[in-house]
Amino acid sequence: HALVCNTLLRCNVDPDNAGSVATALVTAEAAGQGGHGLR
């Protein structure tokens, strides 16, 4: 989650939105849906 957040914060995404996106991608990865996860 921190890795995704920090990356998005460097790319013109505000903290709230970065957190929301990171939660979705990490949860997808955890569910075994890598195509919708960190990739």
Full PDB file with SEQRES, HELIX, SHEET, SSBOND, CRYST1, ORIGX, SCALE, CONECT and MASTER records, all heavy atoms in Angstrom:
SEQRES   1 A   39  HIS ALA LEU VAL CYS ASN THR LEU LEU ARG CYS ASN VAL          
SEQRES   2 A   39  ASP PRO ASP ASN ALA GLY SER VAL ALA THR ALA LEU VAL          
SEQRES   3 A   39  THR ALA GLU ALA ALA GLY GLN GLY GLY HIS GLY LEU ARG          
HELIX    1 AA1 ALA A    2  LEU A    9  1                                   8    
HELIX    2 AA2 PRO A   15  ALA A   30  1                                  16    
HELIX    3 AA3 GLY A   34  HIS A   36  5                                   3    
CRYST1    1.000    1.000    1.000  90.00  90.00  90.00 P 1           1          
ORIGX1      1.000000  0.000000  0.000000        0.00000                         
ORIGX2      0.000000  1.000000  0.000000        0.00000                         
ORIGX3      0.000000  0.000000  1.000000        0.00000                         
SCALE1      1.000000  0.000000  0.000000        0.00000                         
SCALE2      0.000000  1.000000  0.000000        0.00000                         
SCALE3      0.000000  0.000000  1.000000        0.00000                         
ATOM      1  N   HIS A   1       0.834  -1.201   0.000  1.00  0.00           N  
ATOM      2  CA  HIS A   1       0.000   0.000   0.000  1.00  0.00           C  
ATOM      3  C   HIS A   1       0.872   1.256   0.000  1.00  0.00           C  
ATOM      4  O   HIS A   1       0.616   2.206  -0.766  1.00  0.00           O  
ATOM      5  CB  HIS A   1      -0.916  -0.025   1.224  1.00  0.00           C  
ATOM      6  CG  HIS A   1      -2.007   0.996   1.194  1.00  0.00           C  
ATOM      7  ND1 HIS A   1      -1.867   2.251   1.739  1.00  0.00           N  
ATOM      8  CD2 HIS A   1      -3.263   0.952   0.685  1.00  0.00           C  
ATOM      9  CE1 HIS A   1      -2.993   2.939   1.570  1.00  0.00           C  
ATOM     10  NE2 HIS A   1      -3.856   2.165   0.939  1.00  0.00           N  
ATOM     11  N   ALA A   2       1.896   1.286   0.831  1.00  0.00           N  
ATOM     12  CA  ALA A   2       2.801   2.436   0.879  1.00  0.00           C  
ATOM     13  C   ALA A   2       3.531   2.624  -0.446  1.00  0.00           C  
ATOM     14  O   ALA A   2       3.715   3.750  -0.914  1.00  0.00           O  
ATOM     15  CB  ALA A   2       3.804   2.262   2.020  1.00  0.00           C  
ATOM     16  N   LEU A   3       3.946   1.508  -1.055  1.00  0.00           N  
ATOM     17  CA  LEU A   3       4.655   1.579  -2.339  1.00  0.00           C  
ATOM     18  C   LEU A   3       3.782   2.216  -3.406  1.00  0.00           C  
ATOM     19  O   LEU A   3       4.224   3.110  -4.144  1.00  0.00           O  
ATOM     20  CB  LEU A   3       5.086   0.171  -2.758  1.00  0.00           C  
ATOM     21  CG  LEU A   3       5.806   0.044  -4.109  1.00  0.00           C  
ATOM     22  CD1 LEU A   3       7.138   0.778  -4.078  1.00  0.00           C  
ATOM     23  CD2 LEU A   3       5.990  -1.426  -4.471  1.00  0.00           C  
ATOM     24  N   VAL A   4       2.535   1.779  -3.501  1.00  0.00           N  
ATOM     25  CA  VAL A   4       1.625   2.337  -4.504  1.00  0.00           C  
ATOM     26  C   VAL A   4       1.308   3.795  -4.182  1.00  0.00           C  
ATOM     27  O   VAL A   4       1.345   4.665  -5.061  1.00  0.00           O  
ATOM     28  CB  VAL A   4       0.333   1.504  -4.590  1.00  0.00           C  
ATOM     29  CG1 VAL A   4      -0.651   2.148  -5.570  1.00  0.00           C  
ATOM     30  CG2 VAL A   4       0.640   0.073  -5.021  1.00  0.00           C  
ATOM     31  N   CYS A   5       1.006   4.087  -2.930  1.00  0.00           N  
ATOM     32  CA  CYS A   5       0.701   5.462  -2.523  1.00  0.00           C  
ATOM     33  C   CYS A   5       1.835   6.417  -2.871  1.00  0.00           C  
ATOM     34  O   CYS A   5       1.623   7.469  -3.492  1.00  0.00           O  
ATOM     35  CB  CYS A   5       0.462   5.521  -1.016  1.00  0.00           C  
ATOM     36  SG  CYS A   5      -1.258   5.348  -0.515  1.00  0.00           S  
ATOM     37  N   ASN A   6       3.023   6.055  -2.461  1.00  0.00           N  
ATOM     38  CA  ASN A   6       4.171   6.936  -2.680  1.00  0.00           C  
ATOM     39  C   ASN A   6       4.416   7.179  -4.161  1.00  0.00           C  
ATOM     40  O   ASN A   6       4.770   8.290  -4.584  1.00  0.00           O  
ATOM     41  CB  ASN A   6       5.418   6.354  -2.032  1.00  0.00           C  
ATOM     42  CG  ASN A   6       5.314   6.314  -0.520  1.00  0.00           C  
ATOM     43  OD1 ASN A   6       4.404   6.883   0.065  1.00  0.00           O  
ATOM     44  ND2 ASN A   6       6.256   5.627   0.112  1.00  0.00           N  
ATOM     45  N   THR A   7       4.238   6.136  -4.959  1.00  0.00           N  
ATOM     46  CA  THR A   7       4.429   6.266  -6.405  1.00  0.00           C  
ATOM     47  C   THR A   7       3.408   7.231  -6.987  1.00  0.00           C  
ATOM     48  O   THR A   7       3.750   8.128  -7.770  1.00  0.00           O  
ATOM     49  CB  THR A   7       4.301   4.893  -7.075  1.00  0.00           C  
ATOM     50  OG1 THR A   7       5.279   4.007  -6.518  1.00  0.00           O  
ATOM     51  CG2 THR A   7       4.523   5.001  -8.578  1.00  0.00           C  
ATOM     52  N   LEU A   8       2.142   7.084  -6.622  1.00  0.00           N  
ATOM     53  CA  LEU A   8       1.107   7.960  -7.151  1.00  0.00           C  
ATOM     54  C   LEU A   8       1.263   9.400  -6.662  1.00  0.00           C  
ATOM     55  O   LEU A   8       1.002  10.347  -7.413  1.00  0.00           O  
ATOM     56  CB  LEU A   8      -0.271   7.415  -6.774  1.00  0.00           C  
ATOM     57  CG  LEU A   8      -0.651   6.077  -7.417  1.00  0.00           C  
ATOM     58  CD1 LEU A   8      -1.971   5.571  -6.858  1.00  0.00           C  
ATOM     59  CD2 LEU A   8      -0.721   6.189  -8.936  1.00  0.00           C  
ATOM     60  N   LEU A   9       1.709   9.575  -5.421  1.00  0.00           N  
ATOM     61  CA  LEU A   9       1.941  10.925  -4.913  1.00  0.00           C  
ATOM     62  C   LEU A   9       2.998  11.657  -5.719  1.00  0.00           C  
ATOM     63  O   LEU A   9       2.948  12.885  -5.866  1.00  0.00           O  
ATOM     64  CB  LEU A   9       2.349  10.871  -3.439  1.00  0.00           C  
ATOM     65  CG  LEU A   9       1.242  10.506  -2.443  1.00  0.00           C  
ATOM     66  CD1 LEU A   9       1.846  10.252  -1.067  1.00  0.00           C  
ATOM     67  CD2 LEU A   9       0.198  11.612  -2.371  1.00  0.00           C  
ATOM     68  N   ARG A  10       3.960  10.917  -6.253  1.00  0.00           N  
ATOM     69  CA  ARG A  10       4.996  11.527  -7.104  1.00  0.00           C  
ATOM     70  C   ARG A  10       4.464  11.854  -8.496  1.00  0.00           C  
ATOM     71  O   ARG A  10       5.168  12.486  -9.289  1.00  0.00           O  
ATOM     72  CB  ARG A  10       6.203  10.588  -7.225  1.00  0.00           C  
ATOM     73  CG  ARG A  10       6.954  10.349  -5.942  1.00  0.00           C  
ATOM     74  CD  ARG A  10       8.331   9.744  -6.199  1.00  0.00           C  
ATOM     75  NE  ARG A  10       8.262   8.459  -6.874  1.00  0.00           N  
ATOM     76  CZ  ARG A  10       8.141   7.275  -6.253  1.00  0.00           C  
ATOM     77  NH1 ARG A  10       8.051   7.244  -4.930  1.00  0.00           N  
ATOM     78  NH2 ARG A  10       8.105   6.158  -6.940  1.00  0.00           N  
ATOM     79  N   CYS A  11       3.247  11.401  -8.795  1.00  0.00           N  
ATOM     80  CA  CYS A  11       2.718  11.523 -10.154  1.00  0.00           C  
ATOM     81  C   CYS A  11       1.447  12.364 -10.211  1.00  0.00           C  
ATOM     82  O   CYS A  11       0.534  12.088 -10.993  1.00  0.00           O  
ATOM     83  CB  CYS A  11       2.466  10.129 -10.731  1.00  0.00           C  
ATOM     84  SG  CYS A  11       3.966   9.142 -10.899  1.00  0.00           S  
ATOM     85  N   ASN A  12       1.394  13.373  -9.335  1.00  0.00           N  
ATOM     86  CA  ASN A  12       0.306  14.351  -9.371  1.00  0.00           C  
ATOM     87  C   ASN A  12      -1.040  13.763  -8.950  1.00  0.00           C  
ATOM     88  O   ASN A  12      -2.083  14.095  -9.514  1.00  0.00           O  
ATOM     89  CB  ASN A  12       0.184  14.981 -10.771  1.00  0.00           C  
ATOM     90  CG  ASN A  12      -0.574  16.300 -10.751  1.00  0.00           C  
ATOM     91  OD1 ASN A  12      -0.600  16.999  -9.735  1.00  0.00           O  
ATOM     92  ND2 ASN A  12      -1.189  16.641 -11.868  1.00  0.00           N  
ATOM     93  N   VAL A  13      -1.019  12.892  -7.952  1.00  0.00           N  
ATOM     94  CA  VAL A  13      -2.246  12.350  -7.355  1.00  0.00           C  
ATOM     95  C   VAL A  13      -2.284  12.799  -5.905  1.00  0.00           C  
ATOM     96  O   VAL A  13      -1.276  12.696  -5.194  1.00  0.00           O  
ATOM     97  CB  VAL A  13      -2.283  10.813  -7.434  1.00  0.00           C  
ATOM     98  CG1 VAL A  13      -3.569  10.270  -6.802  1.00  0.00           C  
ATOM     99  CG2 VAL A  13      -2.166  10.350  -8.890  1.00  0.00           C  
ATOM    100  N   ASP A  14      -3.432  13.315  -5.433  1.00  0.00           N  
ATOM    101  CA  ASP A  14      -3.475  13.793  -4.058  1.00  0.00           C  
ATOM    102  C   ASP A  14      -3.562  12.623  -3.073  1.00  0.00           C  
ATOM    103  O   ASP A  14      -3.869  11.486  -3.461  1.00  0.00           O  
ATOM    104  CB  ASP A  14      -4.590  14.823  -3.867  1.00  0.00           C  
ATOM    105  CG  ASP A  14      -5.986  14.237  -3.766  1.00  0.00           C  
ATOM    106  OD1 ASP A  14      -6.150  13.033  -3.488  1.00  0.00           O  
ATOM    107  OD2 ASP A  14      -6.951  14.995  -3.956  1.00  0.00           O  
ATOM    108  N   PRO A  15      -3.263  12.850  -1.791  1.00  0.00           N  
ATOM    109  CA  PRO A  15      -3.177  11.741  -0.833  1.00  0.00           C  
ATOM    110  C   PRO A  15      -4.457  10.918  -0.704  1.00  0.00           C  
ATOM    111  O   PRO A  15      -4.393   9.696  -0.621  1.00  0.00           O  
ATOM    112  CB  PRO A  15      -2.818  12.442   0.487  1.00  0.00           C  
ATOM    113  CG  PRO A  15      -2.077  13.668   0.064  1.00  0.00           C  
ATOM    114  CD  PRO A  15      -2.753  14.118  -1.193  1.00  0.00           C  
ATOM    115  N   ASP A  16      -5.615  11.565  -0.670  1.00  0.00           N  
ATOM    116  CA  ASP A  16      -6.855  10.804  -0.524  1.00  0.00           C  
ATOM    117  C   ASP A  16      -7.082   9.876  -1.708  1.00  0.00           C  
ATOM    118  O   ASP A  16      -7.448   8.706  -1.547  1.00  0.00           O  
ATOM    119  CB  ASP A  16      -8.049  11.751  -0.377  1.00  0.00           C  
ATOM    120  CG  ASP A  16      -8.080  12.457   0.968  1.00  0.00           C  
ATOM    121  OD1 ASP A  16      -7.406  11.970   1.910  1.00  0.00           O  
ATOM    122  OD2 ASP A  16      -8.762  13.488   1.082  1.00  0.00           O  
ATOM    123  N   ASN A  17      -6.889  10.405  -2.903  1.00  0.00           N  
ATOM    124  CA  ASN A  17      -7.091   9.580  -4.089  1.00  0.00           C  
ATOM    125  C   ASN A  17      -6.032   8.489  -4.199  1.00  0.00           C  
ATOM    126  O   ASN A  17      -6.331   7.350  -4.586  1.00  0.00           O  
ATOM    127  CB  ASN A  17      -7.081  10.450  -5.342  1.00  0.00           C  
ATOM    128  CG  ASN A  17      -8.335  11.296  -5.464  1.00  0.00           C  
ATOM    129  OD1 ASN A  17      -9.350  11.018  -4.832  1.00  0.00           O  
ATOM    130  ND2 ASN A  17      -8.273  12.353  -6.259  1.00  0.00           N  
ATOM    131  N   ALA A  18      -4.790   8.826  -3.851  1.00  0.00           N  
ATOM    132  CA  ALA A  18      -3.734   7.817  -3.885  1.00  0.00           C  
ATOM    133  C   ALA A  18      -4.051   6.680  -2.926  1.00  0.00           C  
ATOM    134  O   ALA A  18      -3.853   5.498  -3.238  1.00  0.00           O  
ATOM    135  CB  ALA A  18      -2.386   8.453  -3.528  1.00  0.00           C  
ATOM    136  N   GLY A  19      -4.573   7.021  -1.745  1.00  0.00           N  
ATOM    137  CA  GLY A  19      -4.932   5.991  -0.778  1.00  0.00           C  
ATOM    138  C   GLY A  19      -6.054   5.101  -1.277  1.00  0.00           C  
ATOM    139  O   GLY A  19      -6.040   3.882  -1.100  1.00  0.00           O  
ATOM    140  N   SER A  20      -7.058   5.711  -1.908  1.00  0.00           N  
ATOM    141  CA  SER A  20      -8.177   4.946  -2.443  1.00  0.00           C  
ATOM    142  C   SER A  20      -7.726   3.993  -3.536  1.00  0.00           C  
ATOM    143  O   SER A  20      -8.094   2.809  -3.553  1.00  0.00           O  
ATOM    144  CB  SER A  20      -9.240   5.907  -2.995  1.00  0.00           C  
ATOM    145  OG  SER A  20     -10.292   5.205  -3.602  1.00  0.00           O  
ATOM    146  N   VAL A  21      -6.904   4.491  -4.450  1.00  0.00           N  
ATOM    147  CA  VAL A  21      -6.397   3.651  -5.542  1.00  0.00           C  
ATOM    148  C   VAL A  21      -5.514   2.542  -4.993  1.00  0.00           C  
ATOM    149  O   VAL A  21      -5.627   1.375  -5.398  1.00  0.00           O  
ATOM    150  CB  VAL A  21      -5.626   4.505  -6.567  1.00  0.00           C  
ATOM    151  CG1 VAL A  21      -4.960   3.612  -7.614  1.00  0.00           C  
ATOM    152  CG2 VAL A  21      -6.556   5.498  -7.242  1.00  0.00           C  
ATOM    153  N   ALA A  22      -4.629   2.878  -4.068  1.00  0.00           N  
ATOM    154  CA  ALA A  22      -3.724   1.873  -3.504  1.00  0.00           C  
ATOM    155  C   ALA A  22      -4.496   0.756  -2.818  1.00  0.00           C  
ATOM    156  O   ALA A  22      -4.169  -0.431  -2.962  1.00  0.00           O  
ATOM    157  CB  ALA A  22      -2.748   2.533  -2.527  1.00  0.00           C  
ATOM    158  N   THR A  23      -5.528   1.124  -2.063  1.00  0.00           N  
ATOM    159  CA  THR A  23      -6.343   0.107  -1.392  1.00  0.00           C  
ATOM    160  C   THR A  23      -6.968  -0.834  -2.410  1.00  0.00           C  
ATOM    161  O   THR A  23      -6.955  -2.058  -2.236  1.00  0.00           O  
ATOM    162  CB  THR A  23      -7.441   0.774  -0.548  1.00  0.00           C  
ATOM    163  OG1 THR A  23      -6.820   1.520   0.498  1.00  0.00           O  
ATOM    164  CG2 THR A  23      -8.376  -0.260   0.062  1.00  0.00           C  
ATOM    165  N   ALA A  24      -7.509  -0.283  -3.497  1.00  0.00           N  
ATOM    166  CA  ALA A  24      -8.146  -1.113  -4.520  1.00  0.00           C  
ATOM    167  C   ALA A  24      -7.141  -2.040  -5.197  1.00  0.00           C  
ATOM    168  O   ALA A  24      -7.422  -3.237  -5.394  1.00  0.00           O  
ATOM    169  CB  ALA A  24      -8.829  -0.220  -5.554  1.00  0.00           C  
ATOM    170  N   LEU A  25      -5.978  -1.523  -5.551  1.00  0.00           N  
ATOM    171  CA  LEU A  25      -5.001  -2.345  -6.268  1.00  0.00           C  
ATOM    172  C   LEU A  25      -4.394  -3.416  -5.365  1.00  0.00           C  
ATOM    173  O   LEU A  25      -4.196  -4.560  -5.794  1.00  0.00           O  
ATOM    174  CB  LEU A  25      -3.896  -1.459  -6.848  1.00  0.00           C  
ATOM    175  CG  LEU A  25      -4.320  -0.425  -7.892  1.00  0.00           C  
ATOM    176  CD1 LEU A  25      -3.094   0.229  -8.532  1.00  0.00           C  
ATOM    177  CD2 LEU A  25      -5.194  -1.046  -8.967  1.00  0.00           C  
ATOM    178  N   VAL A  26      -4.102  -3.065  -4.129  1.00  0.00           N  
ATOM    179  CA  VAL A  26      -3.518  -4.046  -3.208  1.00  0.00           C  
ATOM    180  C   VAL A  26      -4.537  -5.133  -2.868  1.00  0.00           C  
ATOM    181  O   VAL A  26      -4.200  -6.327  -2.797  1.00  0.00           O  
ATOM    182  CB  VAL A  26      -2.998  -3.351  -1.935  1.00  0.00           C  
ATOM    183  CG1 VAL A  26      -2.588  -4.365  -0.879  1.00  0.00           C  
ATOM    184  CG2 VAL A  26      -1.806  -2.451  -2.282  1.00  0.00           C  
ATOM    185  N   THR A  27      -5.799  -4.753  -2.685  1.00  0.00           N  
ATOM    186  CA  THR A  27      -6.828  -5.739  -2.393  1.00  0.00           C  
ATOM    187  C   THR A  27      -7.036  -6.667  -3.585  1.00  0.00           C  
ATOM    188  O   THR A  27      -7.228  -7.882  -3.420  1.00  0.00           O  
ATOM    189  CB  THR A  27      -8.151  -5.062  -2.012  1.00  0.00           C  
ATOM    190  OG1 THR A  27      -7.924  -4.128  -0.956  1.00  0.00           O  
ATOM    191  CG2 THR A  27      -9.171  -6.081  -1.527  1.00  0.00           C  
ATOM    192  N   ALA A  28      -6.996  -6.113  -4.797  1.00  0.00           N  
ATOM    193  CA  ALA A  28      -7.098  -6.949  -5.996  1.00  0.00           C  
ATOM    194  C   ALA A  28      -5.940  -7.938  -6.062  1.00  0.00           C  
ATOM    195  O   ALA A  28      -6.130  -9.125  -6.364  1.00  0.00           O  
ATOM    196  CB  ALA A  28      -7.118  -6.063  -7.239  1.00  0.00           C  
ATOM    197  N   GLU A  29      -4.745  -7.454  -5.780  1.00  0.00           N  
ATOM    198  CA  GLU A  29      -3.563  -8.324  -5.787  1.00  0.00           C  
ATOM    199  C   GLU A  29      -3.728  -9.433  -4.757  1.00  0.00           C  
ATOM    200  O   GLU A  29      -3.437 -10.604  -5.021  1.00  0.00           O  
ATOM    201  CB  GLU A  29      -2.316  -7.496  -5.503  1.00  0.00           C  
ATOM    202  CG  GLU A  29      -1.019  -8.170  -5.829  1.00  0.00           C  
ATOM    203  CD  GLU A  29      -0.712  -8.227  -7.318  1.00  0.00           C  
ATOM    204  OE1 GLU A  29      -0.830  -7.194  -8.008  1.00  0.00           O  
ATOM    205  OE2 GLU A  29      -0.345  -9.330  -7.790  1.00  0.00           O  
ATOM    206  N   ALA A  30      -4.195  -9.075  -3.571  1.00  0.00           N  
ATOM    207  CA  ALA A  30      -4.385 -10.066  -2.508  1.00  0.00           C  
ATOM    208  C   ALA A  30      -5.416 -11.112  -2.891  1.00  0.00           C  
ATOM    209  O   ALA A  30      -5.328 -12.268  -2.471  1.00  0.00           O  
ATOM    210  CB  ALA A  30      -4.796  -9.366  -1.214  1.00  0.00           C  
ATOM    211  N   ALA A  31      -6.403 -10.717  -3.688  1.00  0.00           N  
ATOM    212  CA  ALA A  31      -7.454 -11.637  -4.116  1.00  0.00           C  
ATOM    213  C   ALA A  31      -7.023 -12.530  -5.269  1.00  0.00           C  
ATOM    214  O   ALA A  31      -7.804 -13.347  -5.742  1.00  0.00           O  
ATOM    215  CB  ALA A  31      -8.702 -10.848  -4.514  1.00  0.00           C  
ATOM    216  N   GLY A  32      -5.772 -12.366  -5.727  1.00  0.00           N  
ATOM    217  CA  GLY A  32      -5.276 -13.183  -6.826  1.00  0.00           C  
ATOM    218  C   GLY A  32      -5.577 -12.617  -8.192  1.00  0.00           C  
ATOM    219  O   GLY A  32      -5.423 -13.307  -9.204  1.00  0.00           O  
ATOM    220  N   GLN A  33      -5.980 -11.338  -8.261  1.00  0.00           N  
ATOM    221  CA  GLN A  33      -6.316 -10.692  -9.529  1.00  0.00           C  
ATOM    222  C   GLN A  33      -5.198  -9.726  -9.932  1.00  0.00           C  
ATOM    223  O   GLN A  33      -5.373  -8.507  -9.937  1.00  0.00           O  
ATOM    224  CB  GLN A  33      -7.651  -9.952  -9.390  1.00  0.00           C  
ATOM    225  CG  GLN A  33      -8.824 -10.851  -9.081  1.00  0.00           C  
ATOM    226  CD  GLN A  33      -9.188 -11.756 -10.241  1.00  0.00           C  
ATOM    227  OE1 GLN A  33      -8.896 -11.465 -11.396  1.00  0.00           O  
ATOM    228  NE2 GLN A  33      -9.826 -12.876  -9.950  1.00  0.00           N  
ATOM    229  N   GLY A  34      -4.035 -10.298 -10.256  1.00  0.00           N  
ATOM    230  CA  GLY A  34      -2.870  -9.474 -10.552  1.00  0.00           C  
ATOM    231  C   GLY A  34      -3.045  -8.547 -11.736  1.00  0.00           C  
ATOM    232  O   GLY A  34      -2.437  -7.476 -11.799  1.00  0.00           O  
ATOM    233  N   GLY A  35      -3.882  -8.932 -12.714  1.00  0.00           N  
ATOM    234  CA  GLY A  35      -4.113  -8.068 -13.862  1.00  0.00           C  
ATOM    235  C   GLY A  35      -4.815  -6.779 -13.497  1.00  0.00           C  
ATOM    236  O   GLY A  35      -4.783  -5.806 -14.257  1.00  0.00           O  
ATOM    237  N   HIS A  36      -5.458  -6.743 -12.338  1.00  0.00           N  
ATOM    238  CA  HIS A  36      -6.096  -5.524 -11.837  1.00  0.00           C  
ATOM    239  C   HIS A  36      -5.392  -5.011 -10.587  1.00  0.00           C  
ATOM    240  O   HIS A  36      -5.935  -4.174  -9.861  1.00  0.00           O  
ATOM    241  CB  HIS A  36      -7.560  -5.796 -11.512  1.00  0.00           C  
ATOM    242  CG  HIS A  36      -8.392  -6.161 -12.697  1.00  0.00           C  
ATOM    243  ND1 HIS A  36      -8.713  -5.262 -13.687  1.00  0.00           N  
ATOM    244  CD2 HIS A  36      -8.955  -7.339 -13.069  1.00  0.00           C  
ATOM    245  CE1 HIS A  36      -9.453  -5.859 -14.609  1.00  0.00           C  
ATOM    246  NE2 HIS A  36      -9.612  -7.116 -14.253  1.00  0.00           N  
ATOM    247  N   GLY A  37      -4.192  -5.519 -10.336  1.00  0.00           N  
ATOM    248  CA  GLY A  37      -3.461  -5.167  -9.137  1.00  0.00           C  
ATOM    249  C   GLY A  37      -2.292  -4.255  -9.422  1.00  0.00           C  
ATOM    250  O   GLY A  37      -2.413  -3.247 -10.150  1.00  0.00           O  
ATOM    251  N   LEU A  38      -1.122  -4.609  -8.900  1.00  0.00           N  
ATOM    252  CA  LEU A  38       0.038  -3.724  -8.982  1.00  0.00           C  
ATOM    253  C   LEU A  38       0.555  -3.538 -10.402  1.00  0.00           C  
ATOM    254  O   LEU A  38       1.264  -2.566 -10.677  1.00  0.00           O  
ATOM    255  CB  LEU A  38       1.154  -4.232  -8.070  1.00  0.00           C  
ATOM    256  CG  LEU A  38       1.121  -3.675  -6.632  1.00  0.00           C  
ATOM    257  CD1 LEU A  38      -0.169  -4.057  -5.914  1.00  0.00           C  
ATOM    258  CD2 LEU A  38       2.320  -4.159  -5.832  1.00  0.00           C  
ATOM    259  N   ARG A  39       0.212  -4.439 -11.313  1.00  0.00           N  
ATOM    260  CA  ARG A  39       0.621  -4.244 -12.699  1.00  0.00           C  
ATOM    261  C   ARG A  39      -0.037  -3.018 -13.328  1.00  0.00           C  
ATOM    262  O   ARG A  39       0.393  -2.548 -14.386  1.00  0.00           O  
ATOM    263  CB  ARG A  39       0.306  -5.482 -13.541  1.00  0.00           C  
ATOM    264  CG  ARG A  39       1.260  -6.639 -13.292  1.00  0.00           C  
ATOM    265  CD  ARG A  39       1.076  -7.783 -14.270  1.00  0.00           C  
ATOM    266  NE  ARG A  39       2.058  -8.836 -14.016  1.00  0.00           N  
ATOM    267  CZ  ARG A  39       3.291  -8.843 -14.479  1.00  0.00           C  
ATOM    268  NH1 ARG A  39       3.699  -7.835 -15.245  1.00  0.00           N  
ATOM    269  NH2 ARG A  39       4.123  -9.822 -14.207  1.00  0.00           N  
TER     270      ARG A  39                                                      
MASTER        0    0    0    3    0    0    0    6  269    1    0    3          
END                                                                             
